Amino acid sequence: MLRRLLKTAVPVSRVGVAMWAWHNRDELLAWAGFVATAAPKLVDGKANDVLTEAKLRARLTADSRTRGTPGLRVSVDDGVATLGGIVDPAVHDAALDLATSTGGIARVRDDIAHPARRSKFAFT
């Protein structure tokens, strides 16, 4: 009875779920990595940092400017958010705006670099 009700209430097939997971595999792997790094912090009693980092990651994932950005690294330690990696300037500005406006973050450490602009000629 419950299985039949569930199938009619949520008409999503296993194939549909698999296709969604494949399409969003980078985000899913990033969240899995976060869970793996959050477990030791929870054991050490840093639950506030884990919750704050989860809030920041959720905001970065929800924003279309920063969603799925390769190279953007995020961590929170003692209320200090560290943003790192190599991203475009527009993504850099958006990530800084989101980090500074996220509750629970006292300070933002900016370790983001911009990709080097290459000239047309290698020997100039």
Protein backbone atom coordinates (compact mmCIF):
# COMPACT_ATOMS: atom_id res chain seq x y z
CA MET A 1 0.00 0.00 0.00
CA LEU A 2 2.72 2.46 1.01
CA ARG A 3 4.86 1.52 -2.00
CA ARG A 4 1.97 2.13 -4.40
CA LEU A 5 1.18 5.46 -2.75
CA LEU A 6 4.82 6.50 -2.94
CA LYS A 7 5.00 5.65 -6.64
CA THR A 8 1.99 7.82 -7.41
CA ALA A 9 3.06 10.67 -5.13
CA VAL A 10 6.66 10.75 -6.37
CA PRO A 11 6.69 9.64 -10.02
CA VAL A 12 10.48 9.47 -10.34
CA SER A 13 12.07 6.37 -11.73
CA ARG A 14 15.43 4.94 -10.78
CA VAL A 15 16.68 5.92 -14.21
CA GLY A 16 15.58 9.50 -13.61
CA VAL A 17 17.39 9.61 -10.28
CA ALA A 18 20.50 8.11 -11.88
CA MET A 19 20.45 10.69 -14.67
CA TRP A 20 20.04 13.51 -12.14
CA ALA A 21 22.93 12.17 -10.07
CA TRP A 22 25.16 11.88 -13.15
CA HIS A 23 24.30 15.41 -14.25
CA ASN A 24 25.09 16.79 -10.77
CA ARG A 25 28.02 14.48 -9.98
CA ASP A 26 30.52 17.28 -9.36
CA GLU A 27 28.29 18.92 -6.74
CA LEU A 28 27.49 15.55 -5.17
CA LEU A 29 31.20 14.71 -4.92
CA ALA A 30 31.93 18.12 -3.41
CA TRP A 31 29.25 17.58 -0.75
CA ALA A 32 30.56 14.05 -0.10
CA GLY A 33 34.02 15.52 0.45
CA PHE A 34 32.55 18.05 2.85
CA VAL A 35 30.85 15.28 4.83
CA ALA A 36 34.13 13.37 5.00
CA THR A 37 36.02 16.39 6.34
CA ALA A 38 33.20 17.41 8.68
CA ALA A 39 33.17 14.17 10.65
CA PRO A 40 36.52 14.78 12.44
CA LYS A 41 35.48 18.37 13.20
CA LEU A 42 32.28 17.13 14.80
CA VAL A 43 34.26 14.69 16.93
CA ASP A 44 36.52 17.55 18.04
CA GLY A 45 33.47 19.57 19.11
CA LYS A 46 33.53 22.14 16.29
CA ALA A 47 29.87 21.76 15.36
CA ASN A 48 29.43 25.52 14.86
CA ASP A 49 32.16 25.57 12.22
CA VAL A 50 30.59 22.61 10.42
CA LEU A 51 27.16 24.27 10.40
CA THR A 52 28.60 27.57 9.23
CA GLU A 53 30.55 25.88 6.45
CA ALA A 54 27.44 23.97 5.40
CA LYS A 55 25.49 27.25 5.25
CA LEU A 56 28.19 28.86 3.13
CA ARG A 57 28.45 25.86 0.80
CA ALA A 58 24.66 25.80 0.41
CA ARG A 59 24.62 29.49 -0.48
CA LEU A 60 27.45 29.02 -2.99
CA THR A 61 25.62 26.06 -4.53
CA ALA A 62 22.31 27.94 -4.72
CA ASP A 63 23.80 31.01 -6.41
CA SER A 64 23.97 30.69 -10.20
CA ARG A 65 27.20 32.72 -10.33
CA THR A 66 29.15 30.26 -8.16
CA ARG A 67 27.34 26.94 -8.67
CA GLY A 68 29.62 24.24 -10.06
CA THR A 69 32.68 26.46 -10.21
CA PRO A 70 35.73 24.24 -10.58
CA GLY A 71 38.64 25.24 -8.40
CA LEU A 72 36.72 27.08 -5.66
CA ARG A 73 37.67 25.77 -2.22
CA VAL A 74 35.85 26.64 1.00
CA SER A 75 36.62 25.94 4.66
CA VAL A 76 35.63 27.44 8.00
CA ASP A 77 37.75 27.28 11.14
CA ASP A 78 36.90 29.18 14.34
CA GLY A 79 34.45 31.41 12.47
CA VAL A 80 37.00 32.37 9.81
CA ALA A 81 35.97 31.39 6.27
CA THR A 82 38.83 30.65 3.90
CA LEU A 83 38.12 30.92 0.20
CA GLY A 84 40.77 29.53 -2.10
CA GLY A 85 41.45 28.31 -5.60
CA ILE A 86 41.75 29.82 -9.04
CA VAL A 87 38.51 31.34 -10.36
CA ASP A 88 37.37 34.17 -12.61
CA PRO A 89 37.06 37.67 -11.09
CA ALA A 90 33.25 37.65 -11.32
CA VAL A 91 33.07 34.38 -9.37
CA HIS A 92 35.61 35.76 -6.90
CA ASP A 93 33.46 38.81 -6.17
CA ALA A 94 30.28 36.73 -5.86
CA ALA A 95 31.94 34.25 -3.49
CA LEU A 96 33.27 37.06 -1.30
CA ASP A 97 29.83 38.71 -1.16
CA LEU A 98 28.17 35.46 -0.16
CA ALA A 99 30.82 34.63 2.43
CA THR A 100 30.74 38.03 4.11
CA SER A 101 26.94 37.96 4.36
CA THR A 102 26.69 34.42 5.74
CA GLY A 103 25.74 34.23 9.41
CA GLY A 104 28.33 32.78 11.76
CA ILE A 105 31.33 34.02 9.78
CA ALA A 106 33.36 36.58 11.68
CA ARG A 107 36.06 37.11 9.05
CA VAL A 108 36.82 36.02 5.49
CA ARG A 109 40.32 35.03 4.45
CA ASP A 110 40.69 35.54 0.70
CA ASP A 111 43.18 33.15 -0.91
CA ILE A 112 41.53 33.19 -4.32
CA ALA A 113 43.73 33.76 -7.35
CA HIS A 114 42.69 34.74 -10.85
CA PRO A 115 43.77 32.76 -13.91
CA ALA A 116 46.76 34.27 -15.68
CA ARG A 117 46.02 35.97 -18.94
CA ARG A 118 48.16 34.49 -21.69
CA SER A 119 49.37 36.58 -24.55
CA LYS A 120 48.95 35.48 -28.16
CA PHE A 121 52.68 34.99 -28.52
CA ALA A 122 54.69 32.76 -26.26
CA PHE A 123 57.89 34.79 -26.55
CA THR A 124 56.82 38.33 -25.82
